[in-house]
């Protein structure tokens, strides 16, 4: 089973690249974040033509998440839109579905902007709501998306450059660790304990080509799913080319149950 996650930073702008990605990799599921479309304009027909059903939670121009499921996969009836207890539920940042027996979540964690911005407490509250939800989730599960957190300094091109900012603050890293302590594993770090790869690069000043990135797009697997992890790859090619997102997709390969 191949599950991918990608913050596309506007599905409307990036739809040709998404279709290209689906044709190249043919994952059983692709979790999307920052779709930035209203529900009535979500491109269901284009995705169906590519062989994928879309389970979307859409809220307009700022956030939005979705799970694209290949047409030959089994999807349960237990779809969940939204995260109980989250701040700003109108943003549409969490969607769940069971695909071929695995509970999949696409999540777009609040950015936080800066430590003194009102959005930063909202980010912490969102992570606390995630912790409560993960604690009650049935396994196996795979929660993937843009967490807007670099779990450790190894996930930054230069830790000193981020001191005093979001994505690395002790409060948000501690809340991520509390989620992991419930039994989840960071798929990439589980498979690559010393690996140094990034998933996000600023558009400005040639950061991508200079290797100035962060690993903030994560896939958290339940403990019982961890033995099935075979690979966790980052496809940098989709950070290149026409109209790239500032994120690269992450692909998690699972062995059959």
Protein backbone atom coordinates (compact mmCIF):
# COMPACT_ATOMS: atom_id res chain seq x y z
CA UNK A 1 0.00 0.00 0.00
CA UNK A 2 1.35 3.41 -0.98
CA UNK A 3 0.04 6.51 0.80
CA UNK A 4 1.28 9.99 -0.08
CA UNK A 5 0.81 13.41 1.44
CA UNK A 6 1.29 16.79 -0.20
CA UNK A 7 0.55 20.39 0.71
CA UNK A 8 -0.27 21.64 -2.78
CA UNK A 9 -0.79 25.31 -1.80
CA UNK A 10 -3.87 25.65 -4.06
CA UNK A 11 -5.33 22.65 -5.81
CA UNK A 12 -6.68 24.87 -8.56
CA UNK A 13 -3.19 26.14 -9.38
CA UNK A 14 -1.52 22.76 -8.93
CA UNK A 15 -4.12 20.38 -10.43
CA UNK A 16 -1.99 19.47 -13.49
CA UNK A 17 0.91 18.60 -11.16
CA UNK A 18 -1.38 16.53 -8.92
CA UNK A 19 -2.65 14.60 -11.93
CA UNK A 20 0.95 14.09 -13.04
CA UNK A 21 1.84 12.81 -9.57
CA UNK A 22 -1.08 10.38 -9.54
CA UNK A 23 -0.12 9.04 -12.97
CA UNK A 24 3.52 8.59 -11.97
CA UNK A 25 3.08 6.95 -8.55
CA UNK A 26 -0.49 5.55 -8.56
CA UNK A 27 -0.77 5.61 -4.77
CA UNK A 28 -3.73 3.96 -3.11
CA UNK A 29 -4.31 7.30 -1.40
CA UNK A 30 -3.02 10.86 -1.60
CA UNK A 31 -3.65 13.22 1.31
CA UNK A 32 -3.80 16.87 0.28
CA UNK A 33 -3.54 20.04 2.31
CA UNK A 34 -4.15 23.72 1.51
CA UNK A 35 -6.51 22.85 -1.30
CA UNK A 36 -7.94 26.39 -1.12
CA UNK A 37 -11.17 25.62 -2.98
CA UNK A 38 -14.85 25.86 -2.13
CA UNK A 39 -16.71 22.56 -1.99
CA UNK A 40 -18.75 23.28 -5.11
CA UNK A 41 -15.61 23.94 -7.17
CA UNK A 42 -13.57 20.96 -5.97
CA UNK A 43 -12.35 19.16 -9.16
CA UNK A 44 -14.06 15.82 -8.52
CA UNK A 45 -14.61 15.07 -12.19
CA UNK A 46 -10.97 15.65 -13.15
CA UNK A 47 -9.85 13.32 -10.39
CA UNK A 48 -12.44 10.70 -11.27
CA UNK A 49 -11.14 10.75 -14.84
CA UNK A 50 -7.70 9.97 -13.38
CA UNK A 51 -9.13 7.04 -11.41
CA UNK A 52 -9.51 8.65 -7.99
CA UNK A 53 -12.41 9.39 -5.67
CA UNK A 54 -11.97 12.55 -3.57
CA UNK A 55 -13.09 12.83 0.05
CA UNK A 56 -12.76 16.55 0.58
CA UNK A 57 -13.32 19.00 3.39
CA UNK A 58 -13.29 22.34 1.65
CA UNK A 59 -13.61 25.83 3.07
CA UNK A 60 -12.53 28.34 0.49
CA UNK A 61 -9.35 30.22 -0.16
CA UNK A 62 -7.14 29.56 2.87
CA UNK A 63 -7.08 25.93 4.04
CA UNK A 64 -8.93 22.76 3.06
CA UNK A 65 -7.89 19.10 3.13
CA UNK A 66 -8.73 16.00 1.11
CA UNK A 67 -7.96 12.31 0.70
CA UNK A 68 -7.85 11.06 -2.88
CA UNK A 69 -8.52 7.31 -3.04
CA UNK A 70 -7.76 5.08 -6.01
CA UNK A 71 -10.93 3.65 -7.52
CA UNK A 72 -10.00 0.01 -6.82
CA UNK A 73 -9.60 0.60 -3.06
CA UNK A 74 -12.23 -0.04 -0.42
CA UNK A 75 -13.44 3.01 1.49
CA UNK A 76 -15.37 2.70 4.74
CA UNK A 77 -18.51 4.62 5.56
CA UNK A 78 -16.91 6.19 8.65
CA UNK A 79 -15.68 9.44 7.08
CA UNK A 80 -15.08 12.26 9.59
CA UNK A 81 -14.79 15.93 8.66
CA UNK A 82 -13.24 18.17 11.29
CA UNK A 83 -11.44 17.68 14.59
CA UNK A 84 -13.45 17.84 17.84
CA UNK A 85 -12.26 20.70 20.01
CA UNK A 86 -10.21 22.43 17.32
CA UNK A 87 -10.13 26.22 17.13
CA UNK A 88 -11.32 27.82 13.90
CA UNK A 89 -13.28 24.77 12.65
CA UNK A 90 -14.37 26.80 9.64
CA UNK A 91 -10.81 26.45 8.26
CA UNK A 92 -11.29 22.75 7.35
CA UNK A 93 -8.00 21.24 8.52
CA UNK A 94 -8.80 17.57 9.32
CA UNK A 95 -10.42 14.72 7.39
CA UNK A 96 -10.48 10.97 8.20
CA UNK A 97 -11.40 7.91 6.14
CA UNK A 98 -10.71 4.18 6.32
CA UNK A 99 -9.02 2.93 3.15
CA UNK A 100 -8.28 -0.78 2.71
CA UNK A 101 -8.47 -1.25 6.47
CA UNK A 102 -6.16 1.60 7.45
CA UNK A 103 -7.52 4.74 9.08
CA UNK A 104 -6.09 7.64 7.07
CA UNK A 105 -6.05 11.27 8.18
CA UNK A 106 -5.09 14.33 6.16
CA UNK A 107 -4.21 17.21 8.49
CA UNK A 108 -3.11 20.79 8.01
CA UNK A 109 -1.91 22.13 11.36
CA UNK A 110 -2.25 25.86 11.97
CA UNK A 111 0.97 27.69 11.04
CA UNK A 112 1.08 29.96 14.09
CA UNK A 113 2.76 32.85 12.22
CA UNK A 114 4.90 34.07 15.14
CA UNK A 115 5.18 33.38 18.86
CA UNK A 116 3.39 36.63 19.75
CA UNK A 117 0.63 36.23 17.18
CA UNK A 118 -2.88 35.19 18.33
CA UNK A 119 -2.65 32.26 15.90
CA UNK A 120 0.12 30.63 17.91
CA UNK A 121 -2.14 29.76 20.89
CA UNK A 122 -4.64 28.45 18.33
CA UNK A 123 -1.90 26.20 16.95
CA UNK A 124 -1.22 24.77 20.41
CA UNK A 125 -4.95 24.23 20.99
CA UNK A 126 -5.21 22.43 17.65
CA UNK A 127 -2.34 20.11 18.62
CA UNK A 128 -4.02 19.40 21.95
CA UNK A 129 -7.23 18.49 20.10
CA UNK A 130 -5.16 16.20 17.89
CA UNK A 131 -3.72 14.50 20.96
CA UNK A 132 -7.19 13.78 22.34
CA UNK A 133 -8.41 12.44 19.01
CA UNK A 134 -5.36 10.21 18.47
CA UNK A 135 -5.77 8.80 21.98
CA UNK A 136 -9.20 7.47 21.05
CA UNK A 137 -8.53 6.37 17.47
CA UNK A 138 -8.71 2.75 16.47
CA UNK A 139 -5.64 1.26 14.88
CA UNK A 140 -4.06 0.85 12.42
CA UNK A 141 -3.88 4.52 11.44
CA UNK A 142 -1.65 6.83 9.41
CA UNK A 143 -1.94 10.55 10.10
CA UNK A 144 -0.16 12.57 7.45
CA UNK A 145 0.03 16.15 6.34
CA UNK A 146 1.59 19.53 6.94
CA UNK A 147 2.26 19.66 10.68
CA UNK A 148 4.05 23.03 10.51
CA UNK A 149 6.54 21.63 13.05
CA UNK A 150 10.12 20.49 12.51
CA UNK A 151 10.32 17.68 15.09
CA UNK A 152 14.02 18.18 15.90
CA UNK A 153 16.99 20.29 14.90
CA UNK A 154 18.13 17.61 12.44
CA UNK A 155 15.03 18.55 10.43
CA UNK A 156 16.31 22.11 9.80
CA UNK A 157 19.01 23.29 7.44
CA UNK A 158 20.31 25.69 10.11
CA UNK A 159 18.75 25.49 13.60
CA UNK A 160 20.19 28.88 14.54
CA UNK A 161 18.19 30.53 11.76
CA UNK A 162 14.90 29.49 13.38
CA UNK A 163 15.54 30.39 17.02
CA UNK A 164 12.66 32.43 18.41
CA UNK A 165 10.25 31.46 15.64
CA UNK A 166 7.42 29.05 15.12
CA UNK A 167 7.84 25.49 13.83
CA UNK A 168 10.59 24.89 16.40
CA UNK A 169 9.18 26.37 19.61
CA UNK A 170 9.40 24.07 22.64
CA UNK A 171 5.64 24.32 23.23
CA UNK A 172 4.72 22.94 19.79
CA UNK A 173 7.47 20.31 19.71
CA UNK A 174 6.40 19.13 23.16
CA UNK A 175 2.81 18.71 21.99
CA UNK A 176 3.97 16.73 18.98
CA UNK A 177 5.97 14.48 21.28
CA UNK A 178 2.86 13.93 23.40
CA UNK A 179 1.05 12.66 20.29
CA UNK A 180 3.95 10.34 19.50
CA UNK A 181 3.96 9.13 23.11
CA UNK A 182 0.48 7.73 22.53
CA UNK A 183 2.13 5.04 20.42
CA UNK A 184 2.61 6.70 17.04
CA UNK A 185 5.91 6.76 15.16
CA UNK A 186 7.26 9.37 12.74
CA UNK A 187 7.54 7.14 9.66
CA UNK A 188 10.54 8.91 8.12
CA UNK A 189 12.53 9.08 11.35
CA UNK A 190 11.59 5.49 12.19
CA UNK A 191 13.10 4.29 8.91
CA UNK A 192 15.89 6.89 8.61
CA UNK A 193 17.16 7.63 12.15
CA UNK A 194 20.00 9.84 10.85
CA UNK A 195 18.42 10.96 7.58
CA UNK A 196 18.51 14.62 6.56
CA UNK A 197 15.83 15.47 4.02
CA UNK A 198 13.42 18.36 3.80
CA UNK A 199 9.84 18.77 2.60
CA UNK A 200 9.49 22.57 2.53
CA UNK A 201 11.61 25.36 1.10
CA UNK A 202 10.86 29.07 1.01
CA UNK A 203 10.06 30.38 -2.46
CA UNK A 204 12.45 33.29 -1.94
CA UNK A 205 16.20 33.67 -2.50
CA UNK A 206 16.69 30.31 -4.17
CA UNK A 207 16.23 28.39 -0.92
CA UNK A 208 15.29 25.17 -2.71
CA UNK A 209 18.39 25.07 -4.89
CA UNK A 210 20.60 26.08 -1.94
CA UNK A 211 19.18 23.30 0.24
CA UNK A 212 17.68 25.68 2.81
CA UNK A 213 14.68 23.64 3.92
CA UNK A 214 12.72 22.09 6.77
CA UNK A 215 11.01 18.74 7.28
CA UNK A 216 7.53 19.74 8.41
CA UNK A 217 5.36 17.34 6.38
CA UNK A 218 5.04 14.19 8.46
CA UNK A 219 3.37 10.79 8.46
CA UNK A 220 2.61 9.34 11.89
CA UNK A 221 1.90 5.61 11.94
CA UNK A 222 0.26 3.74 14.79
CA UNK A 223 2.55 1.32 16.63
CA UNK A 224 0.88 -1.72 15.10
CA UNK A 225 1.41 -0.27 11.62
CA UNK A 226 5.11 0.49 12.19
CA UNK A 227 6.30 -3.06 11.33
CA UNK A 228 4.64 -2.67 7.92
CA UNK A 229 6.63 0.48 7.06
CA UNK A 230 8.88 -0.22 4.08
CA UNK A 231 9.94 3.22 2.89
CA UNK A 232 9.27 6.92 3.38
CA UNK A 233 10.45 8.96 0.41
CA UNK A 234 10.32 12.66 -0.48
CA UNK A 235 9.81 13.34 -4.19
CA UNK A 236 11.77 16.55 -4.78
CA UNK A 237 10.91 16.48 -8.48
CA UNK A 238 7.46 17.83 -7.65
CA UNK A 239 9.04 20.84 -5.94
CA UNK A 240 10.52 21.67 -9.35
CA UNK A 241 8.96 22.41 -12.70
CA UNK A 242 6.05 24.68 -13.61
CA UNK A 243 4.07 26.26 -10.77
CA UNK A 244 5.60 24.21 -7.95
CA UNK A 245 4.17 24.18 -4.45
CA UNK A 246 6.64 25.19 -1.75
CA UNK A 247 6.23 21.64 -0.35
CA UNK A 248 7.38 18.33 -1.81
CA UNK A 249 5.16 15.25 -1.51
CA UNK A 250 6.02 12.48 0.96
CA UNK A 251 5.34 8.84 0.03
CA UNK A 252 4.93 6.09 2.62
CA UNK A 253 5.03 2.48 1.48
CA UNK A 254 3.39 -0.18 3.65
CA UNK A 255 3.75 -3.93 3.34
CA UNK A 256 0.54 -5.90 2.99
CA UNK A 257 -1.10 -6.91 6.25
